[in-house]
């Protein structure tokens, strides 16, 4: 049985690690906001996670899913669930591998292909992410998220304003009324004005 003193020490260590992680996450997010020059854009186009510490319960769930997949490697639900868990915790490599396995059996799922693109972006594989987003929008001509993510990637990672505007104008063809669509419309105008000022 664990002593009270040892429990306290372990609790302090766990809290310290959690606080350290939150501080690091905040620094990264603030750096991206500063680099973007537009705090609204950074908040809307990133999917930062401050949930990077995976609980013991969730680790057990991951192991259960892996065991299921060892027994049944073609279990689509298990691959998707595993990918989504890793996605939620920004485990880019693990999530993209789980999604890759899923897509090898069910390639026409635009939502999973878009999530995979987001994970590839996190890994720095921007061309792979672009391909994933474009394939998702090709699979479903009304798939808004893939178009939105494509525009965000072109603007933030590729620094290609023209491609970002094109992707976001395409996005506005399928999503026109929500808050993000209003923000995208304003952002396109801002980018066009910025371009005119540079000419």
N, C-alpha and C. Protein backbone atom coordinates (compact mmCIF):
# COMPACT_ATOMS: atom_id res chain seq x y z
N UNK A 1 0.85 -1.20 0.00
CA UNK A 1 0.00 0.00 0.00
C UNK A 1 0.89 1.25 0.00
N UNK A 2 0.52 2.23 -0.81
CA UNK A 2 1.31 3.44 -0.93
C UNK A 2 1.13 4.32 0.30
N UNK A 3 2.26 4.84 0.80
CA UNK A 3 2.19 5.70 1.98
C UNK A 3 1.60 7.06 1.61
N UNK A 4 1.10 7.74 2.64
CA UNK A 4 0.49 9.06 2.43
C UNK A 4 1.52 10.03 1.86
N UNK A 5 2.74 9.97 2.38
CA UNK A 5 3.80 10.87 1.93
C UNK A 5 4.10 10.65 0.45
N UNK A 6 4.17 9.38 0.05
CA UNK A 6 4.46 9.06 -1.34
C UNK A 6 3.33 9.53 -2.26
N UNK A 7 2.08 9.39 -1.79
CA UNK A 7 0.94 9.87 -2.57
C UNK A 7 1.03 11.38 -2.80
N UNK A 8 1.40 12.09 -1.72
CA UNK A 8 1.52 13.55 -1.82
C UNK A 8 2.61 13.92 -2.82
N UNK A 9 3.76 13.26 -2.73
CA UNK A 9 4.88 13.54 -3.64
C UNK A 9 4.45 13.28 -5.09
N UNK A 10 3.79 12.15 -5.34
CA UNK A 10 3.34 11.83 -6.70
C UNK A 10 2.31 12.83 -7.21
N UNK A 11 1.43 13.27 -6.31
CA UNK A 11 0.43 14.27 -6.69
C UNK A 11 1.10 15.58 -7.08
N UNK A 12 2.09 16.01 -6.27
CA UNK A 12 2.82 17.25 -6.56
C UNK A 12 3.53 17.14 -7.90
N UNK A 13 4.17 16.01 -8.16
CA UNK A 13 4.88 15.80 -9.43
C UNK A 13 3.89 15.86 -10.60
N UNK A 14 2.74 15.19 -10.45
CA UNK A 14 1.73 15.18 -11.52
C UNK A 14 1.21 16.58 -11.79
N UNK A 15 0.92 17.33 -10.72
CA UNK A 15 0.42 18.70 -10.88
C UNK A 15 1.48 19.58 -11.53
N UNK A 16 2.74 19.43 -11.11
CA UNK A 16 3.84 20.21 -11.69
C UNK A 16 3.96 19.94 -13.19
N UNK A 17 3.89 18.66 -13.56
CA UNK A 17 3.97 18.31 -14.98
C UNK A 17 2.80 18.90 -15.76
N UNK A 18 1.61 18.82 -15.19
CA UNK A 18 0.42 19.35 -15.87
C UNK A 18 0.54 20.86 -16.05
N UNK A 19 0.96 21.57 -15.01
CA UNK A 19 1.13 23.02 -15.09
C UNK A 19 2.19 23.37 -16.12
N UNK A 20 3.30 22.63 -16.10
CA UNK A 20 4.37 22.85 -17.08
C UNK A 20 3.86 22.68 -18.49
N UNK A 21 3.07 21.64 -18.71
CA UNK A 21 2.51 21.40 -20.04
C UNK A 21 1.59 22.54 -20.46
N UNK A 22 0.74 22.99 -19.54
CA UNK A 22 -0.18 24.09 -19.85
C UNK A 22 0.57 25.36 -20.20
N UNK A 23 1.64 25.64 -19.47
CA UNK A 23 2.45 26.84 -19.74
C UNK A 23 3.08 26.73 -21.12
N UNK A 24 3.66 25.56 -21.42
CA UNK A 24 4.28 25.35 -22.74
C UNK A 24 3.25 25.51 -23.85
N UNK A 25 2.05 24.96 -23.64
CA UNK A 25 0.99 25.07 -24.65
C UNK A 25 0.60 26.53 -24.86
N UNK A 26 0.50 27.27 -23.75
CA UNK A 26 0.13 28.69 -23.85
C UNK A 26 1.20 29.47 -24.61
N UNK A 27 2.47 29.17 -24.35
CA UNK A 27 3.57 29.85 -25.05
C UNK A 27 3.50 29.57 -26.54
N UNK A 28 3.26 28.31 -26.91
CA UNK A 28 3.17 27.94 -28.33
C UNK A 28 1.99 28.65 -29.00
N UNK A 29 0.85 28.65 -28.32
CA UNK A 29 -0.34 29.31 -28.88
C UNK A 29 -0.09 30.81 -29.06
N UNK A 30 0.50 31.45 -28.03
CA UNK A 30 0.78 32.89 -28.12
C UNK A 30 1.78 33.19 -29.22
N UNK A 31 2.77 32.31 -29.40
CA UNK A 31 3.75 32.49 -30.47
C UNK A 31 3.06 32.43 -31.83
N UNK A 32 2.14 31.47 -32.00
CA UNK A 32 1.43 31.35 -33.28
C UNK A 32 0.52 32.55 -33.52
N UNK A 33 -0.10 33.03 -32.45
CA UNK A 33 -0.94 34.23 -32.60
C UNK A 33 -0.09 35.41 -33.04
N UNK A 34 1.07 35.57 -32.41
CA UNK A 34 1.96 36.67 -32.75
C UNK A 34 2.44 36.55 -34.19
N UNK A 35 2.82 35.34 -34.60
CA UNK A 35 3.30 35.11 -35.97
C UNK A 35 2.21 35.38 -36.99
N UNK A 36 0.98 35.07 -36.64
CA UNK A 36 -0.12 35.24 -37.60
C UNK A 36 -0.50 36.71 -37.78
N UNK A 37 -0.24 37.52 -36.75
CA UNK A 37 -0.61 38.92 -36.82
C UNK A 37 -2.10 39.17 -36.68
N UNK A 38 -2.84 38.12 -36.37
CA UNK A 38 -4.29 38.26 -36.24
C UNK A 38 -4.77 37.20 -35.27
N UNK A 39 -5.10 37.62 -34.05
CA UNK A 39 -5.45 36.65 -33.01
C UNK A 39 -6.69 35.85 -33.36
N UNK A 40 -7.68 36.47 -34.01
CA UNK A 40 -8.88 35.73 -34.39
C UNK A 40 -8.55 34.60 -35.34
N UNK A 41 -7.68 34.90 -36.31
CA UNK A 41 -7.31 33.88 -37.28
C UNK A 41 -6.62 32.71 -36.59
N UNK A 42 -5.71 33.01 -35.69
CA UNK A 42 -4.99 31.93 -35.02
C UNK A 42 -5.93 31.04 -34.23
N UNK A 43 -6.88 31.65 -33.57
CA UNK A 43 -7.80 30.87 -32.76
C UNK A 43 -8.74 30.03 -33.61
N UNK A 44 -9.10 30.55 -34.78
CA UNK A 44 -10.06 29.84 -35.61
C UNK A 44 -9.42 28.78 -36.49
N UNK A 45 -8.15 28.94 -36.84
CA UNK A 45 -7.54 28.01 -37.79
C UNK A 45 -6.62 27.00 -37.14
N UNK A 46 -6.39 27.11 -35.86
CA UNK A 46 -5.58 26.12 -35.15
C UNK A 46 -6.49 25.20 -34.35
N UNK A 47 -5.97 24.04 -34.05
CA UNK A 47 -6.71 23.15 -33.15
C UNK A 47 -5.78 22.81 -31.99
N UNK A 48 -5.36 23.83 -31.21
CA UNK A 48 -4.43 23.55 -30.13
C UNK A 48 -5.10 22.72 -29.05
N UNK A 49 -4.32 21.86 -28.44
CA UNK A 49 -4.87 21.03 -27.37
C UNK A 49 -4.07 21.26 -26.10
N UNK A 50 -4.77 21.57 -25.02
CA UNK A 50 -4.10 21.62 -23.72
C UNK A 50 -4.39 20.33 -22.97
N UNK A 51 -4.88 19.33 -23.73
CA UNK A 51 -5.21 18.05 -23.12
C UNK A 51 -4.14 17.02 -23.44
N UNK A 52 -2.90 17.45 -23.59
CA UNK A 52 -1.85 16.57 -24.06
C UNK A 52 -1.48 15.44 -23.13
N UNK A 53 -1.83 15.55 -21.86
CA UNK A 53 -1.51 14.48 -20.92
C UNK A 53 -2.65 13.47 -20.95
N UNK A 54 -2.32 12.26 -21.37
CA UNK A 54 -3.33 11.21 -21.49
C UNK A 54 -3.48 10.50 -20.15
N UNK A 55 -4.71 10.40 -19.69
CA UNK A 55 -4.98 9.78 -18.39
C UNK A 55 -4.73 8.28 -18.45
N UNK A 56 -4.57 7.69 -17.27
CA UNK A 56 -4.38 6.24 -17.18
C UNK A 56 -5.59 5.52 -17.78
N UNK A 57 -6.77 6.04 -17.49
CA UNK A 57 -8.00 5.43 -18.02
C UNK A 57 -7.99 5.41 -19.55
N UNK A 58 -7.55 6.53 -20.13
CA UNK A 58 -7.51 6.61 -21.59
C UNK A 58 -6.40 5.72 -22.16
N UNK A 59 -5.29 5.63 -21.44
CA UNK A 59 -4.22 4.74 -21.88
C UNK A 59 -4.72 3.29 -21.92
N UNK A 60 -5.53 2.94 -20.95
CA UNK A 60 -6.12 1.59 -20.94
C UNK A 60 -7.05 1.40 -22.13
N UNK A 61 -7.81 2.45 -22.46
CA UNK A 61 -8.70 2.39 -23.62
C UNK A 61 -7.89 2.19 -24.91
N UNK A 62 -6.77 2.91 -25.00
CA UNK A 62 -5.89 2.76 -26.17
C UNK A 62 -5.37 1.34 -26.28
N UNK A 63 -4.93 0.79 -25.14
CA UNK A 63 -4.43 -0.59 -25.14
C UNK A 63 -5.53 -1.58 -25.52
N UNK A 64 -6.75 -1.35 -25.05
CA UNK A 64 -7.88 -2.21 -25.43
C UNK A 64 -8.11 -2.16 -26.94
N UNK A 65 -8.05 -0.96 -27.51
CA UNK A 65 -8.24 -0.82 -28.95
C UNK A 65 -7.13 -1.51 -29.73
N UNK A 66 -5.90 -1.37 -29.24
CA UNK A 66 -4.78 -2.04 -29.90
C UNK A 66 -4.93 -3.55 -29.84
N UNK A 67 -5.40 -4.04 -28.71
CA UNK A 67 -5.63 -5.48 -28.57
C UNK A 67 -6.72 -5.94 -29.54
N UNK A 68 -7.77 -5.14 -29.65
CA UNK A 68 -8.84 -5.45 -30.61
C UNK A 68 -8.26 -5.53 -32.02
N UNK A 69 -7.37 -4.60 -32.34
CA UNK A 69 -6.80 -4.54 -33.69
C UNK A 69 -5.79 -5.66 -33.94
N UNK A 70 -5.13 -6.13 -32.89
CA UNK A 70 -4.25 -7.29 -33.06
C UNK A 70 -5.09 -8.52 -33.43
N UNK A 71 -6.26 -8.60 -32.82
CA UNK A 71 -7.14 -9.74 -33.09
C UNK A 71 -7.91 -9.57 -34.40
N UNK A 72 -8.23 -8.31 -34.73
CA UNK A 72 -9.02 -8.04 -35.93
C UNK A 72 -8.49 -6.78 -36.62
N UNK A 73 -7.41 -6.91 -37.42
CA UNK A 73 -6.78 -5.74 -38.04
C UNK A 73 -7.68 -4.97 -39.00
N UNK A 74 -8.80 -5.54 -39.38
CA UNK A 74 -9.70 -4.86 -40.32
C UNK A 74 -10.89 -4.19 -39.61
N UNK A 75 -10.78 -4.02 -38.31
CA UNK A 75 -11.86 -3.42 -37.54
C UNK A 75 -11.85 -1.89 -37.74
N UNK A 76 -12.70 -1.43 -38.65
CA UNK A 76 -12.75 -0.01 -38.99
C UNK A 76 -13.06 0.86 -37.79
N UNK A 77 -14.03 0.45 -36.99
CA UNK A 77 -14.43 1.24 -35.83
C UNK A 77 -13.26 1.44 -34.87
N UNK A 78 -12.48 0.39 -34.64
CA UNK A 78 -11.35 0.48 -33.71
C UNK A 78 -10.27 1.42 -34.26
N UNK A 79 -9.98 1.33 -35.57
CA UNK A 79 -8.98 2.23 -36.16
C UNK A 79 -9.44 3.68 -36.04
N UNK A 80 -10.72 3.91 -36.31
CA UNK A 80 -11.25 5.27 -36.25
C UNK A 80 -11.22 5.80 -34.82
N UNK A 81 -11.65 4.99 -33.87
CA UNK A 81 -11.66 5.40 -32.46
C UNK A 81 -10.24 5.70 -31.98
N UNK A 82 -9.29 4.84 -32.36
CA UNK A 82 -7.90 5.05 -31.97
C UNK A 82 -7.37 6.35 -32.57
N UNK A 83 -7.64 6.56 -33.85
CA UNK A 83 -7.21 7.80 -34.50
C UNK A 83 -7.81 9.03 -33.84
N UNK A 84 -9.10 8.95 -33.49
CA UNK A 84 -9.77 10.10 -32.88
C UNK A 84 -9.22 10.42 -31.49
N UNK A 85 -8.87 9.38 -30.74
CA UNK A 85 -8.26 9.63 -29.42
C UNK A 85 -6.94 10.36 -29.60
N UNK A 86 -6.09 9.85 -30.48
CA UNK A 86 -4.80 10.50 -30.72
C UNK A 86 -5.00 11.90 -31.30
N UNK A 87 -5.99 12.07 -32.16
CA UNK A 87 -6.30 13.38 -32.75
C UNK A 87 -6.62 14.39 -31.65
N UNK A 88 -7.47 13.99 -30.70
CA UNK A 88 -7.87 14.89 -29.62
C UNK A 88 -6.70 15.33 -28.75
N UNK A 89 -5.65 14.53 -28.72
CA UNK A 89 -4.48 14.84 -27.89
C UNK A 89 -3.28 15.28 -28.73
N UNK A 90 -3.54 15.64 -29.99
CA UNK A 90 -2.50 16.11 -30.90
C UNK A 90 -1.31 15.17 -30.98
N UNK A 91 -1.57 13.88 -30.97
CA UNK A 91 -0.53 12.88 -31.20
C UNK A 91 -0.51 12.64 -32.71
N UNK A 92 0.16 13.55 -33.42
CA UNK A 92 0.06 13.61 -34.88
C UNK A 92 0.43 12.30 -35.57
N UNK A 93 1.58 11.76 -35.24
CA UNK A 93 2.07 10.57 -35.93
C UNK A 93 1.14 9.37 -35.69
N UNK A 94 0.77 9.16 -34.43
CA UNK A 94 -0.08 8.02 -34.09
C UNK A 94 -1.46 8.15 -34.73
N UNK A 95 -2.01 9.38 -34.69
CA UNK A 95 -3.33 9.60 -35.29
C UNK A 95 -3.29 9.38 -36.80
N UNK A 96 -2.26 9.94 -37.46
CA UNK A 96 -2.20 9.81 -38.92
C UNK A 96 -2.03 8.35 -39.32
N UNK A 97 -1.29 7.56 -38.54
CA UNK A 97 -1.13 6.14 -38.86
C UNK A 97 -2.45 5.39 -38.69
N UNK A 98 -3.19 5.68 -37.63
CA UNK A 98 -4.49 5.04 -37.43
C UNK A 98 -5.45 5.41 -38.56
N UNK A 99 -5.46 6.69 -38.93
CA UNK A 99 -6.33 7.12 -40.02
C UNK A 99 -5.89 6.50 -41.35
N UNK A 100 -4.59 6.36 -41.55
CA UNK A 100 -4.09 5.73 -42.78
C UNK A 100 -4.62 4.30 -42.90
N UNK A 101 -4.58 3.58 -41.78
CA UNK A 101 -5.09 2.21 -41.77
C UNK A 101 -6.59 2.19 -42.10
N UNK A 102 -7.32 3.11 -41.48
CA UNK A 102 -8.76 3.20 -41.73
C UNK A 102 -9.02 3.49 -43.21
N UNK A 103 -8.30 4.48 -43.75
CA UNK A 103 -8.54 4.91 -45.13
C UNK A 103 -8.09 3.87 -46.15
N UNK A 104 -7.18 2.99 -45.76
CA UNK A 104 -6.78 1.93 -46.69
C UNK A 104 -7.94 0.97 -46.95
N UNK A 105 -8.89 0.94 -46.02
CA UNK A 105 -10.06 0.07 -46.17
C UNK A 105 -11.32 0.84 -46.57
N UNK A 106 -11.37 2.11 -46.19
CA UNK A 106 -12.55 2.93 -46.52
C UNK A 106 -12.07 4.32 -46.97
N UNK A 107 -11.56 4.40 -48.20
CA UNK A 107 -10.89 5.63 -48.65
C UNK A 107 -11.81 6.81 -48.92
N UNK A 108 -13.11 6.58 -49.03
CA UNK A 108 -14.02 7.66 -49.44
C UNK A 108 -14.69 8.37 -48.27
N UNK A 109 -14.02 8.44 -47.12
CA UNK A 109 -14.59 9.14 -45.97
C UNK A 109 -13.93 10.52 -45.87
N UNK A 110 -14.63 11.60 -46.26
CA UNK A 110 -14.01 12.93 -46.27
C UNK A 110 -13.66 13.46 -44.88
N UNK A 111 -14.45 13.09 -43.87
CA UNK A 111 -14.16 13.57 -42.52
C UNK A 111 -12.84 13.01 -42.01
N UNK A 112 -12.65 11.71 -42.18
CA UNK A 112 -11.41 11.08 -41.72
C UNK A 112 -10.23 11.58 -42.54
N UNK A 113 -10.44 11.76 -43.84
CA UNK A 113 -9.34 12.26 -44.68
C UNK A 113 -8.95 13.67 -44.25
N UNK A 114 -9.92 14.48 -43.86
CA UNK A 114 -9.62 15.84 -43.39
C UNK A 114 -8.86 15.79 -42.06
N UNK A 115 -9.30 14.93 -41.15
CA UNK A 115 -8.59 14.79 -39.87
C UNK A 115 -7.15 14.34 -40.11
N UNK A 116 -6.98 13.42 -41.04
CA UNK A 116 -5.63 12.97 -41.36
C UNK A 116 -4.80 14.14 -41.90
N UNK A 117 -5.41 14.96 -42.74
CA UNK A 117 -4.72 16.14 -43.25
C UNK A 117 -4.27 17.07 -42.14
N UNK A 118 -5.12 17.24 -41.13
CA UNK A 118 -4.76 18.10 -40.00
C UNK A 118 -3.58 17.52 -39.23
N UNK A 119 -3.53 16.21 -39.10
CA UNK A 119 -2.42 15.57 -38.40
C UNK A 119 -1.14 15.64 -39.24
N UNK A 120 -1.26 15.49 -40.56
CA UNK A 120 -0.08 15.64 -41.43
C UNK A 120 0.45 17.06 -41.35
N UNK A 121 -0.45 18.03 -41.27
CA UNK A 121 -0.02 19.42 -41.10
C UNK A 121 0.77 19.56 -39.80
N UNK A 122 0.28 18.94 -38.74
CA UNK A 122 0.99 18.99 -37.46
C UNK A 122 2.38 18.37 -37.55
N UNK A 123 2.53 17.38 -38.43
CA UNK A 123 3.84 16.73 -38.61
C UNK A 123 4.76 17.52 -39.54
N UNK A 124 4.21 18.58 -40.15
CA UNK A 124 5.02 19.37 -41.09
C UNK A 124 4.96 18.85 -42.51
N UNK A 125 4.13 17.85 -42.78
CA UNK A 125 3.96 17.32 -44.13
C UNK A 125 2.85 18.11 -44.82
N UNK A 126 3.19 19.34 -45.22
CA UNK A 126 2.18 20.24 -45.76
C UNK A 126 1.62 19.76 -47.10
N UNK A 127 2.49 19.21 -47.94
CA UNK A 127 2.01 18.72 -49.24
C UNK A 127 1.06 17.54 -49.05
N UNK A 128 1.39 16.66 -48.11
CA UNK A 128 0.50 15.53 -47.81
C UNK A 128 -0.83 16.01 -47.27
N UNK A 129 -0.79 17.06 -46.44
CA UNK A 129 -2.02 17.63 -45.89
C UNK A 129 -2.87 18.26 -46.99
N UNK A 130 -2.22 19.00 -47.89
CA UNK A 130 -2.94 19.62 -49.01
C UNK A 130 -3.64 18.54 -49.84
N UNK A 131 -2.91 17.48 -50.13
CA UNK A 131 -3.49 16.38 -50.91
C UNK A 131 -4.70 15.77 -50.18
N UNK A 132 -4.58 15.60 -48.87
CA UNK A 132 -5.69 15.03 -48.08
C UNK A 132 -6.91 15.94 -48.11
N UNK A 133 -6.70 17.25 -47.91
CA UNK A 133 -7.82 18.20 -47.92
C UNK A 133 -8.49 18.24 -49.30
N UNK A 134 -7.67 18.25 -50.35
CA UNK A 134 -8.24 18.31 -51.70
C UNK A 134 -9.01 17.03 -52.04
N UNK A 135 -8.46 15.92 -51.60
CA UNK A 135 -9.16 14.65 -51.88
C UNK A 135 -10.50 14.62 -51.13
N UNK A 136 -10.51 15.11 -49.89
CA UNK A 136 -11.76 15.14 -49.11
C UNK A 136 -12.80 16.00 -49.80
N UNK A 137 -12.39 17.17 -50.30
CA UNK A 137 -13.36 18.06 -50.96
C UNK A 137 -13.80 17.50 -52.31
N UNK A 138 -12.94 16.68 -52.92
CA UNK A 138 -13.32 16.02 -54.18
C UNK A 138 -14.34 14.90 -53.91
N UNK A 139 -14.13 14.18 -52.81
CA UNK A 139 -15.06 13.10 -52.44
C UNK A 139 -16.45 13.66 -52.16
N UNK A 140 -16.47 14.80 -51.44
CA UNK A 140 -17.75 15.42 -51.08
C UNK A 140 -17.71 16.89 -51.50
N UNK A 141 -18.44 17.22 -52.54
CA UNK A 141 -18.39 18.57 -53.10
C UNK A 141 -18.93 19.63 -52.15
N UNK A 142 -19.56 19.21 -51.05
CA UNK A 142 -20.08 20.17 -50.07
C UNK A 142 -19.37 20.05 -48.72
N UNK A 143 -18.18 19.50 -48.72
CA UNK A 143 -17.44 19.30 -47.47
C UNK A 143 -16.72 20.60 -47.09
N UNK A 144 -17.24 21.29 -46.09
CA UNK A 144 -16.74 22.61 -45.73
C UNK A 144 -15.40 22.56 -44.99
N UNK A 145 -15.26 21.63 -44.04
CA UNK A 145 -14.07 21.62 -43.18
C UNK A 145 -12.79 21.45 -43.97
N UNK A 146 -12.79 20.58 -44.97
CA UNK A 146 -11.58 20.36 -45.76
C UNK A 146 -11.17 21.64 -46.49
N UNK A 147 -12.15 22.37 -46.99
CA UNK A 147 -11.86 23.62 -47.70
C UNK A 147 -11.34 24.68 -46.73
N UNK A 148 -11.94 24.75 -45.57
CA UNK A 148 -11.48 25.72 -44.57
C UNK A 148 -10.04 25.42 -44.15
N UNK A 149 -9.76 24.16 -43.84
CA UNK A 149 -8.42 23.78 -43.41
C UNK A 149 -7.38 24.01 -44.51
N UNK A 150 -7.78 23.79 -45.75
CA UNK A 150 -6.86 24.03 -46.87
C UNK A 150 -6.46 25.50 -46.92
N UNK A 151 -7.44 26.39 -46.78
CA UNK A 151 -7.14 27.82 -46.77
C UNK A 151 -6.23 28.21 -45.63
N UNK A 152 -6.50 27.67 -44.45
CA UNK A 152 -5.67 27.97 -43.28
C UNK A 152 -4.23 27.52 -43.49
N UNK A 153 -4.07 26.33 -44.06
CA UNK A 153 -2.72 25.81 -44.30
C UNK A 153 -1.97 26.69 -45.30
N UNK A 154 -2.63 27.05 -46.40
CA UNK A 154 -1.96 27.88 -47.40
C UNK A 154 -1.54 29.22 -46.80
N UNK A 155 -2.39 29.79 -45.97
CA UNK A 155 -2.07 31.09 -45.39
C UNK A 155 -0.97 31.00 -44.34
N UNK A 156 -1.11 30.06 -43.42
CA UNK A 156 -0.20 30.03 -42.27
C UNK A 156 1.09 29.28 -42.52
N UNK A 157 1.04 28.19 -43.26
CA UNK A 157 2.24 27.37 -43.44
C UNK A 157 2.95 27.68 -44.75
N UNK A 158 2.19 27.81 -45.84
CA UNK A 158 2.78 28.05 -47.16
C UNK A 158 2.97 29.54 -47.44
N UNK A 159 2.33 30.39 -46.65
CA UNK A 159 2.39 31.85 -46.83
C UNK A 159 1.94 32.23 -48.25
N UNK A 160 0.96 31.52 -48.76
CA UNK A 160 0.46 31.74 -50.12
C UNK A 160 -0.94 32.35 -50.02
N UNK A 161 -0.98 33.67 -50.07
CA UNK A 161 -2.23 34.39 -49.89
C UNK A 161 -3.22 34.07 -51.00
N UNK A 162 -2.74 34.00 -52.25
CA UNK A 162 -3.65 33.73 -53.37
C UNK A 162 -4.35 32.38 -53.24
N UNK A 163 -3.58 31.35 -52.91
CA UNK A 163 -4.17 30.01 -52.74
C UNK A 163 -5.11 29.97 -51.54
N UNK A 164 -4.76 30.71 -50.49
CA UNK A 164 -5.63 30.77 -49.31
C UNK A 164 -6.97 31.40 -49.66
N UNK A 165 -6.92 32.51 -50.40
CA UNK A 165 -8.15 33.18 -50.81
C UNK A 165 -8.99 32.25 -51.69
N UNK A 166 -8.34 31.57 -52.63
CA UNK A 166 -9.06 30.65 -53.52
C UNK A 166 -9.76 29.54 -52.72
N UNK A 167 -9.02 28.95 -51.78
CA UNK A 167 -9.59 27.87 -50.96
C UNK A 167 -10.75 28.37 -50.12
N UNK A 168 -10.59 29.57 -49.54
CA UNK A 168 -11.65 30.09 -48.68
C UNK A 168 -12.86 30.57 -49.47
N UNK A 169 -12.63 31.09 -50.70
CA UNK A 169 -13.79 31.43 -51.54
C UNK A 169 -14.56 30.16 -51.90
N UNK A 170 -13.83 29.08 -52.14
CA UNK A 170 -14.45 27.78 -52.39
C UNK A 170 -15.24 27.33 -51.15
N UNK A 171 -14.65 27.54 -49.98
CA UNK A 171 -15.32 27.20 -48.71
C UNK A 171 -16.65 27.95 -48.59
N UNK A 172 -16.64 29.23 -48.96
CA UNK A 172 -17.86 30.05 -48.83
C UNK A 172 -18.96 29.63 -49.80
N UNK A 173 -18.62 28.83 -50.79
CA UNK A 173 -19.65 28.30 -51.69
C UNK A 173 -20.50 27.23 -51.00
N UNK A 174 -19.93 26.61 -49.96
CA UNK A 174 -20.66 25.52 -49.29
C UNK A 174 -21.09 25.87 -47.86
N UNK A 175 -20.50 26.89 -47.29
CA UNK A 175 -20.88 27.30 -45.92
C UNK A 175 -20.94 28.82 -45.89
N UNK A 176 -22.13 29.36 -45.72
CA UNK A 176 -22.28 30.81 -45.89
C UNK A 176 -22.83 31.55 -44.68
N UNK A 177 -23.46 30.86 -43.74
CA UNK A 177 -24.24 31.59 -42.73
C UNK A 177 -23.68 31.57 -41.32
N UNK A 178 -22.76 30.68 -41.00
CA UNK A 178 -22.33 30.60 -39.60
C UNK A 178 -21.25 31.62 -39.27
N UNK A 179 -20.84 31.66 -38.02
CA UNK A 179 -19.86 32.66 -37.55
C UNK A 179 -18.52 32.50 -38.26
N UNK A 180 -18.11 31.26 -38.48
CA UNK A 180 -16.81 31.06 -39.14
C UNK A 180 -16.87 31.57 -40.58
N UNK A 181 -17.99 31.35 -41.27
CA UNK A 181 -18.13 31.84 -42.64
C UNK A 181 -18.05 33.37 -42.67
N UNK A 182 -18.67 34.02 -41.70
CA UNK A 182 -18.60 35.49 -41.63
C UNK A 182 -17.16 35.94 -41.40
N UNK A 183 -16.45 35.21 -40.52
CA UNK A 183 -15.06 35.55 -40.26
C UNK A 183 -14.21 35.35 -41.51
N UNK A 184 -14.42 34.24 -42.22
CA UNK A 184 -13.65 33.95 -43.44
C UNK A 184 -13.89 35.05 -44.48
N UNK A 185 -15.14 35.47 -44.62
CA UNK A 185 -15.45 36.53 -45.59
C UNK A 185 -14.68 37.80 -45.24
N UNK A 186 -14.66 38.16 -43.97
CA UNK A 186 -13.92 39.35 -43.53
C UNK A 186 -12.42 39.16 -43.73
N UNK A 187 -11.94 37.97 -43.47
CA UNK A 187 -10.51 37.69 -43.62
C UNK A 187 -10.08 37.77 -45.08
N UNK A 188 -10.92 37.29 -45.98
CA UNK A 188 -10.62 37.39 -47.42
C UNK A 188 -10.51 38.86 -47.81
N UNK A 189 -11.43 39.67 -47.34
CA UNK A 189 -11.38 41.11 -47.65
C UNK A 189 -10.10 41.74 -47.10
N UNK A 190 -9.72 41.34 -45.89
CA UNK A 190 -8.49 41.87 -45.29
C UNK A 190 -7.28 41.48 -46.13
N UNK A 191 -7.24 40.23 -46.56
CA UNK A 191 -6.10 39.75 -47.36
C UNK A 191 -6.04 40.45 -48.71
N UNK A 192 -7.20 40.66 -49.32
CA UNK A 192 -7.22 41.36 -50.61
C UNK A 192 -6.76 42.80 -50.47
N UNK A 193 -7.20 43.45 -49.40
CA UNK A 193 -6.76 44.83 -49.13
C UNK A 193 -5.26 44.88 -48.89
N UNK A 194 -4.76 43.92 -48.14
CA UNK A 194 -3.32 43.84 -47.86
C UNK A 194 -2.54 43.66 -49.16
N UNK A 195 -3.04 42.81 -50.06
CA UNK A 195 -2.38 42.58 -51.35
C UNK A 195 -2.35 43.85 -52.19
N UNK A 196 -3.47 44.57 -52.20
CA UNK A 196 -3.55 45.82 -52.97
C UNK A 196 -2.55 46.84 -52.46
N UNK A 197 -2.37 46.87 -51.14
CA UNK A 197 -1.41 47.80 -50.54
C UNK A 197 0.03 47.48 -50.88
N UNK A 198 0.29 46.22 -51.19
CA UNK A 198 1.66 45.80 -51.53
C UNK A 198 1.99 46.04 -52.99
N UNK A 199 0.95 46.22 -53.83
CA UNK A 199 1.19 46.40 -55.27
C UNK A 199 1.59 47.82 -55.61
